[in-house]
């Protein structure tokens, strides 16, 4: 309730307010590092493609991924940087896994849906063979599915389930 006694509606709620936390148990740091490299390659190639094409296509997978990355950087830049620094510090210390705590926001479900849609389109685009960057490996796809599944499960109140895949 507000001080005035009015009930706060969901429309008044900040969609980026942190409402909880997920714990990704045994988060595989080397796999995360490889995924980061893959994402940087895609972003670099997509940036070059769009700069060269300048055809006004804004709904293509490259444009959608670049827009998503820009939005994440603008909205969550300091938070993402802090989380990446923590993971990198663990990796630099020689660890291959960590229990990674991820803040959950009121809008987490909608954000996960948007990320799913964009990455599915990017995977299909990469598989078409029009790029130098390769599609995600089966290992990267399994890692992504685990992360998204854990965030959704814990957002719904379920317990954490540790990563059961490889750590190297």
Protein backbone atom coordinates (compact mmCIF):
# COMPACT_ATOMS: atom_id res chain seq x y z
CA UNK A 1 0.00 0.00 0.00
CA UNK A 2 1.01 3.58 -0.56
CA UNK A 3 1.07 6.07 2.27
CA UNK A 4 -2.28 7.37 1.05
CA UNK A 5 -3.80 3.95 1.65
CA UNK A 6 -4.29 3.20 -2.06
CA UNK A 7 -3.54 -0.32 -3.24
CA UNK A 8 -0.73 -0.48 -5.80
CA UNK A 9 -1.86 -2.10 -9.04
CA UNK A 10 0.46 -4.15 -11.24
CA UNK A 11 0.28 -1.30 -13.75
CA UNK A 12 1.96 0.92 -11.12
CA UNK A 13 4.63 -1.66 -10.31
CA UNK A 14 8.15 -1.26 -11.65
CA UNK A 15 8.67 -4.19 -14.05
CA UNK A 16 12.39 -4.15 -13.24
CA UNK A 17 11.93 -4.27 -9.49
CA UNK A 18 13.86 -7.20 -8.04
CA UNK A 19 11.35 -9.55 -6.46
CA UNK A 20 13.53 -12.56 -5.72
CA UNK A 21 16.62 -14.52 -6.57
CA UNK A 22 17.45 -17.71 -8.45
CA UNK A 23 20.48 -19.83 -7.64
CA UNK A 24 22.08 -21.62 -10.56
CA UNK A 25 23.86 -24.47 -8.77
CA UNK A 26 27.13 -25.69 -10.28
CA UNK A 27 26.97 -23.05 -13.01
CA UNK A 28 29.64 -24.19 -15.55
CA UNK A 29 32.12 -21.33 -15.91
CA UNK A 30 34.13 -22.62 -18.88
CA UNK A 31 30.95 -23.25 -20.85
CA UNK A 32 29.75 -19.75 -19.93
CA UNK A 33 33.07 -18.35 -21.17
CA UNK A 34 32.71 -20.15 -24.51
CA UNK A 35 29.13 -18.92 -24.79
CA UNK A 36 30.33 -15.36 -24.18
CA UNK A 37 32.88 -15.75 -27.01
CA UNK A 38 30.16 -17.06 -29.33
CA UNK A 39 27.84 -14.18 -28.47
CA UNK A 40 30.60 -11.62 -29.10
CA UNK A 41 31.30 -13.23 -32.51
CA UNK A 42 27.62 -13.07 -33.45
CA UNK A 43 27.25 -9.47 -32.35
CA UNK A 44 30.39 -8.45 -34.24
CA UNK A 45 29.30 -10.23 -37.44
CA UNK A 46 25.72 -8.96 -37.23
CA UNK A 47 26.96 -5.40 -36.69
CA UNK A 48 29.14 -5.63 -39.79
CA UNK A 49 26.33 -7.19 -41.83
CA UNK A 50 23.82 -4.50 -40.92
CA UNK A 51 26.34 -1.70 -41.41
CA UNK A 52 27.08 -3.04 -44.89
CA UNK A 53 23.49 -3.77 -45.88
CA UNK A 54 21.70 -0.64 -44.66
CA UNK A 55 18.55 -1.99 -46.27
CA UNK A 56 16.20 -0.82 -43.55
CA UNK A 57 15.32 -4.34 -42.42
CA UNK A 58 14.66 -4.09 -38.70
CA UNK A 59 12.96 -7.43 -38.10
CA UNK A 60 15.79 -9.64 -39.31
CA UNK A 61 17.46 -11.90 -36.74
CA UNK A 62 20.67 -9.82 -36.82
CA UNK A 63 18.74 -6.60 -36.17
CA UNK A 64 16.64 -8.22 -33.44
CA UNK A 65 19.70 -9.61 -31.62
CA UNK A 66 21.53 -6.28 -31.80
CA UNK A 67 18.45 -4.46 -30.51
CA UNK A 68 18.09 -6.96 -27.65
CA UNK A 69 21.77 -6.54 -26.75
CA UNK A 70 21.42 -2.74 -26.84
CA UNK A 71 18.33 -2.86 -24.65
CA UNK A 72 20.02 -5.16 -22.13
CA UNK A 73 23.07 -2.91 -22.06
CA UNK A 74 20.98 0.21 -21.51
CA UNK A 75 18.61 -1.30 -18.95
CA UNK A 76 20.85 -3.75 -17.10
CA UNK A 77 24.42 -2.77 -18.01
CA UNK A 78 25.83 -2.29 -14.50
CA UNK A 79 24.05 -5.40 -13.16
CA UNK A 80 25.21 -7.59 -16.06
CA UNK A 81 28.75 -6.23 -15.79
CA UNK A 82 28.82 -7.00 -12.07
CA UNK A 83 27.56 -10.55 -12.62
CA UNK A 84 30.01 -11.13 -15.48
CA UNK A 85 32.89 -9.81 -13.34
CA UNK A 86 31.97 -12.21 -10.52
CA UNK A 87 31.86 -15.17 -12.92
CA UNK A 88 35.11 -14.12 -14.56
CA UNK A 89 36.83 -13.80 -11.16
CA UNK A 90 35.80 -17.35 -10.29
CA UNK A 91 37.04 -18.61 -13.67
CA UNK A 92 40.32 -16.69 -13.29
CA UNK A 93 40.75 -18.28 -9.84
CA UNK A 94 40.76 -21.69 -11.56
CA UNK A 95 37.24 -22.77 -10.66
CA UNK A 96 35.15 -24.64 -13.19
CA UNK A 97 31.78 -24.00 -11.51
CA UNK A 98 30.02 -21.78 -9.03
CA UNK A 99 26.64 -21.31 -7.45
CA UNK A 100 25.53 -18.17 -9.27
CA UNK A 101 22.85 -15.95 -7.75
CA UNK A 102 20.64 -14.20 -10.29
CA UNK A 103 18.19 -11.46 -9.32
CA UNK A 104 14.65 -12.06 -10.55
CA UNK A 105 12.60 -9.05 -11.57
CA UNK A 106 8.88 -8.65 -11.84
CA UNK A 107 9.34 -8.75 -15.65
CA UNK A 108 11.63 -11.83 -15.73
CA UNK A 109 9.07 -14.05 -17.44
CA UNK A 110 8.48 -11.55 -20.26
CA UNK A 111 12.23 -10.98 -20.65
CA UNK A 112 12.89 -14.73 -20.90
CA UNK A 113 10.17 -15.06 -23.56
CA UNK A 114 11.71 -12.26 -25.62
CA UNK A 115 15.19 -13.78 -25.34
CA UNK A 116 13.82 -17.20 -26.39
CA UNK A 117 12.14 -15.74 -29.48
CA UNK A 118 15.20 -13.80 -30.59
CA UNK A 119 17.67 -16.64 -30.00
CA UNK A 120 15.47 -19.14 -31.85
CA UNK A 121 15.42 -16.79 -34.85
CA UNK A 122 19.20 -16.30 -34.58
CA UNK A 123 19.78 -20.08 -34.42
CA UNK A 124 17.68 -20.58 -37.56
CA UNK A 125 19.52 -17.75 -39.29
CA UNK A 126 22.93 -19.16 -38.36
CA UNK A 127 21.89 -22.63 -39.56
CA UNK A 128 21.03 -21.16 -42.98
CA UNK A 129 24.76 -20.89 -43.75
CA UNK A 130 24.72 -17.18 -44.61
CA UNK A 131 27.25 -16.33 -41.91
CA UNK A 132 30.80 -17.03 -40.84
CA UNK A 133 29.72 -17.57 -37.21
CA UNK A 134 28.47 -21.05 -36.55
CA UNK A 135 25.24 -22.05 -34.87
CA UNK A 136 25.38 -22.81 -31.17
CA UNK A 137 26.78 -26.23 -30.35
CA UNK A 138 24.54 -28.89 -28.80
CA UNK A 139 26.41 -28.26 -25.53
CA UNK A 140 25.64 -24.53 -25.70
CA UNK A 141 21.98 -25.23 -26.48
CA UNK A 142 21.74 -27.61 -23.48
CA UNK A 143 23.41 -25.00 -21.26
CA UNK A 144 20.98 -22.30 -22.43
CA UNK A 145 18.00 -24.62 -21.88
CA UNK A 146 19.19 -25.38 -18.34
CA UNK A 147 19.69 -21.69 -17.47
CA UNK A 148 16.28 -20.69 -18.85
CA UNK A 149 14.60 -23.69 -17.21
CA UNK A 150 16.17 -22.88 -13.85
CA UNK A 151 15.15 -19.25 -14.01
CA UNK A 152 11.58 -20.21 -14.90
CA UNK A 153 11.38 -23.00 -12.31
CA UNK A 154 12.69 -20.83 -9.51
CA UNK A 155 10.57 -17.87 -10.59
CA UNK A 156 7.62 -20.21 -10.10
CA UNK A 157 8.82 -21.18 -6.63
CA UNK A 158 10.59 -24.43 -7.50
CA UNK A 159 13.88 -25.56 -5.99
CA UNK A 160 17.23 -25.23 -7.79
CA UNK A 161 18.45 -28.19 -9.83
CA UNK A 162 22.23 -28.38 -10.37
CA UNK A 163 23.83 -28.42 -13.84
CA UNK A 164 24.34 -32.07 -14.79
CA UNK A 165 26.33 -31.48 -17.95
CA UNK A 166 30.06 -31.17 -18.60
CA UNK A 167 32.23 -28.58 -16.89
CA UNK A 168 34.99 -28.25 -19.45
